[in-house]
Amino acid sequence: AGAISVSIAPGNPAATTVTTNTQGFEMLRVRLSGTGTINEMTLKRLGAGAVGDIANVYLYDGATRMTSGKSLSAATGDVTFANLSISVSGSKDLSVVTEFTGVAGNVNYFSLTAVKLASGTVSGLPINGNNISTAGATSGRLDVTKTGSIPNPAVGTKGAQLSEFKLTSVTEGALVRRITLL
């Protein structure tokens, strides 16, 4: 049987203001300490905002996305990530990352309310993030343009080039943290 203690991780986002269409925004970073296998995590959206302010919620381990995007329950504001099988031996930091579709003036934050292990106990819950306010402005835009010509790689080829493209910031400066290939 395992035992996991939950706490706020170093680098947890401070209270801040984001634009109404912010994508890939880290809202909470938690540290899981101990030994065990995490099978399920439940988060609750809280604050003076609305469930509709957040389109999708993801769990990340560093730069690695652990889950597909999940919607918040319209009735409760909860989101549960099941079948995780995340092994912890020592400490592991996980991030709650969101896509905003917010309304100006709304304030949201997340609380980690439940963690289920394969077997064992969890302590330190709930853990709350900081207030994230939504500004009246929207974020800039990136245009993606196909460039170059790509050979037809064979299935199973390691290190094969799959695409070549250019990202152009249209309305303001941009920072790209991650790209997901579908």
Protein backbone atom coordinates (compact mmCIF):
# COMPACT_ATOMS: atom_id res chain seq x y z
CA ALA A 1 0.00 0.00 0.00
CA GLY A 2 1.19 3.49 -0.80
CA ALA A 3 1.06 6.81 0.99
CA ILE A 4 1.02 10.14 -0.87
CA SER A 5 1.11 13.64 0.59
CA VAL A 6 -0.20 16.49 -1.59
CA SER A 7 1.09 20.09 -1.41
CA ILE A 8 1.49 23.20 -3.55
CA ALA A 9 4.59 22.77 -5.73
CA PRO A 10 7.32 25.38 -6.12
CA GLY A 11 6.54 27.48 -9.17
CA ASN A 12 2.77 27.32 -8.63
CA PRO A 13 1.33 30.23 -10.65
CA ALA A 14 0.76 33.44 -8.71
CA ALA A 15 -2.54 35.28 -8.95
CA THR A 16 -2.64 37.01 -12.34
CA THR A 17 -4.85 38.26 -15.16
CA VAL A 18 -5.19 36.49 -18.51
CA THR A 19 -6.92 37.34 -21.77
CA THR A 20 -10.29 35.82 -22.65
CA ASN A 21 -8.85 33.30 -25.13
CA THR A 22 -5.65 32.24 -23.37
CA GLN A 23 -4.53 28.73 -24.37
CA GLY A 24 -2.24 26.35 -22.48
CA PHE A 25 -2.32 28.31 -19.22
CA GLU A 26 -1.03 26.60 -16.07
CA MET A 27 -3.50 27.32 -13.23
CA LEU A 28 -2.21 24.97 -10.50
CA ARG A 29 0.96 23.01 -9.81
CA VAL A 30 0.86 20.32 -7.14
CA ARG A 31 3.58 18.20 -5.58
CA LEU A 32 2.85 14.56 -4.84
CA SER A 33 5.30 13.11 -2.30
CA GLY A 34 5.66 9.52 -1.15
CA THR A 35 5.16 6.20 -2.86
CA GLY A 36 2.17 4.90 -4.76
CA THR A 37 0.28 4.77 -8.04
CA ILE A 38 -2.27 7.50 -8.70
CA ASN A 39 -5.31 6.18 -10.52
CA GLU A 40 -7.63 9.18 -10.33
CA MET A 41 -7.58 12.92 -9.60
CA THR A 42 -10.56 15.27 -9.18
CA LEU A 43 -10.37 19.05 -9.47
CA LYS A 44 -13.04 21.66 -8.82
CA ARG A 45 -13.28 25.08 -10.50
CA LEU A 46 -13.99 27.73 -7.91
CA GLY A 47 -14.19 31.53 -7.76
CA ALA A 48 -16.56 34.23 -8.94
CA GLY A 49 -16.24 33.08 -12.56
CA ALA A 50 -18.26 30.47 -14.41
CA VAL A 51 -17.77 26.90 -15.62
CA GLY A 52 -18.01 28.25 -19.20
CA ASP A 53 -14.86 30.34 -18.68
CA ILE A 54 -12.74 27.21 -19.15
CA ALA A 55 -13.05 25.10 -22.30
CA ASN A 56 -10.66 22.23 -21.52
CA VAL A 57 -8.51 21.04 -18.62
CA TYR A 58 -5.34 18.93 -18.97
CA LEU A 59 -2.82 17.33 -16.62
CA TYR A 60 0.88 17.75 -17.41
CA ASP A 61 4.02 16.20 -15.97
CA GLY A 62 6.54 18.88 -16.89
CA ALA A 63 6.21 19.35 -20.66
CA THR A 64 4.46 16.00 -21.13
CA ARG A 65 0.69 16.05 -21.46
CA MET A 66 -0.72 13.14 -19.44
CA THR A 67 -4.39 13.43 -20.46
CA SER A 68 -6.66 14.52 -23.24
CA GLY A 69 -8.68 17.70 -22.69
CA LYS A 70 -11.65 17.30 -20.39
CA SER A 71 -14.62 19.59 -19.84
CA LEU A 72 -15.83 20.75 -16.46
CA SER A 73 -19.16 19.43 -15.20
CA ALA A 74 -21.76 22.15 -15.81
CA ALA A 75 -23.54 21.14 -12.60
CA THR A 76 -20.59 20.94 -10.18
CA GLY A 77 -17.55 22.54 -11.85
CA ASP A 78 -15.65 19.27 -11.26
CA VAL A 79 -13.39 17.41 -13.64
CA THR A 80 -12.13 13.88 -12.92
CA PHE A 81 -9.15 12.29 -14.61
CA ALA A 82 -9.46 8.49 -14.32
CA ASN A 83 -7.20 5.58 -15.33
CA LEU A 84 -4.06 7.67 -14.82
CA SER A 85 -1.59 5.03 -13.52
CA ILE A 86 0.92 7.73 -12.51
CA SER A 87 3.72 6.20 -10.46
CA VAL A 88 5.19 8.28 -7.62
CA SER A 89 8.39 7.32 -5.82
CA GLY A 90 9.82 10.33 -4.00
CA SER A 91 8.13 13.41 -5.42
CA LYS A 92 6.39 14.35 -8.66
CA ASP A 93 4.99 17.72 -9.71
CA LEU A 94 1.87 17.83 -11.89
CA SER A 95 0.34 20.89 -13.54
CA VAL A 96 -3.29 21.71 -14.28
CA VAL A 97 -3.33 23.46 -17.67
CA THR A 98 -6.40 25.08 -19.22
CA GLU A 99 -7.86 26.71 -22.30
CA PHE A 100 -9.79 29.88 -21.45
CA THR A 101 -12.96 31.09 -23.13
CA GLY A 102 -13.65 33.48 -20.27
CA VAL A 103 -15.72 36.56 -19.72
CA ALA A 104 -14.01 39.82 -18.72
CA GLY A 105 -13.98 40.36 -14.97
CA ASN A 106 -14.52 36.72 -14.02
CA VAL A 107 -12.17 35.10 -11.48
CA ASN A 108 -11.41 31.37 -11.42
CA TYR A 109 -9.12 29.01 -9.53
CA PHE A 110 -8.80 25.25 -9.10
CA SER A 111 -8.89 23.07 -6.03
CA LEU A 112 -7.49 19.55 -6.09
CA THR A 113 -10.19 17.83 -4.06
CA ALA A 114 -9.51 14.10 -4.43
CA VAL A 115 -6.68 11.73 -5.34
CA LYS A 116 -7.27 7.97 -5.49
CA LEU A 117 -4.39 5.52 -5.29
CA ALA A 118 -4.28 1.92 -6.48
CA SER A 119 -4.00 1.21 -2.75
CA GLY A 120 -3.05 3.34 0.21
CA THR A 121 -3.75 6.75 1.69
CA VAL A 122 -3.60 10.38 0.54
CA SER A 123 -3.11 13.37 2.84
CA GLY A 124 -3.01 17.15 2.41
CA LEU A 125 -6.23 17.68 0.45
CA PRO A 126 -7.77 19.96 -0.65
CA ILE A 127 -5.09 22.10 -2.32
CA ASN A 128 -6.16 25.46 -3.80
CA GLY A 129 -4.53 27.46 -6.58
CA ASN A 130 -4.50 31.25 -6.82
CA ASN A 131 -7.13 33.54 -8.37
CA ILE A 132 -6.85 33.95 -12.13
CA SER A 133 -8.79 36.95 -13.41
CA THR A 134 -9.98 37.41 -16.98
CA ALA A 135 -9.23 40.70 -18.74
CA GLY A 136 -11.42 42.30 -21.38
CA ALA A 137 -8.81 41.86 -24.12
CA THR A 138 -8.21 38.87 -26.37
CA SER A 139 -4.82 37.33 -27.11
CA GLY A 140 -3.00 37.71 -30.40
CA ARG A 141 -3.10 35.14 -33.15
CA LEU A 142 -0.58 32.81 -34.77
CA ASP A 143 -0.93 31.83 -38.41
CA VAL A 144 0.46 28.48 -39.52
CA THR A 145 1.81 28.20 -43.07
CA LYS A 146 2.95 24.96 -44.69
CA THR A 147 6.46 25.29 -46.08
CA GLY A 148 8.76 22.97 -47.95
CA SER A 149 8.16 19.53 -49.36
CA ILE A 150 8.19 16.42 -47.17
CA PRO A 151 9.11 12.95 -48.48
CA ASN A 152 6.63 10.18 -47.75
CA PRO A 153 8.12 8.48 -44.64
CA ALA A 154 7.54 4.76 -44.10
CA VAL A 155 5.55 3.71 -41.04
CA GLY A 156 7.94 2.87 -38.20
CA THR A 157 10.80 5.08 -39.47
CA LYS A 158 12.56 6.68 -36.51
CA GLY A 159 13.33 10.40 -36.67
CA ALA A 160 11.22 10.88 -39.80
CA GLN A 161 10.30 14.45 -40.71
CA LEU A 162 6.51 14.66 -40.60
CA SER A 163 5.89 18.29 -41.39
CA GLU A 164 7.50 21.62 -42.10
CA PHE A 165 5.67 24.80 -41.23
CA LYS A 166 6.14 28.42 -40.22
CA LEU A 167 4.39 30.17 -37.32
CA THR A 168 3.76 33.88 -37.78
CA SER A 169 2.60 36.16 -34.99
CA VAL A 170 -0.13 38.31 -36.53
CA THR A 171 -1.18 40.95 -34.01
CA GLU A 172 1.48 41.00 -31.27
CA GLY A 173 4.54 39.21 -29.92
CA ALA A 174 4.10 35.50 -29.19
CA LEU A 175 5.66 32.72 -27.14
CA VAL A 176 5.04 29.11 -28.19
CA ARG A 177 5.51 26.66 -25.32
CA ARG A 178 4.23 23.46 -26.90
CA ILE A 179 2.90 22.06 -30.14
CA THR A 180 0.62 19.04 -30.36
CA LEU A 181 0.53 16.93 -33.50
CA LEU A 182 -2.82 15.31 -34.19
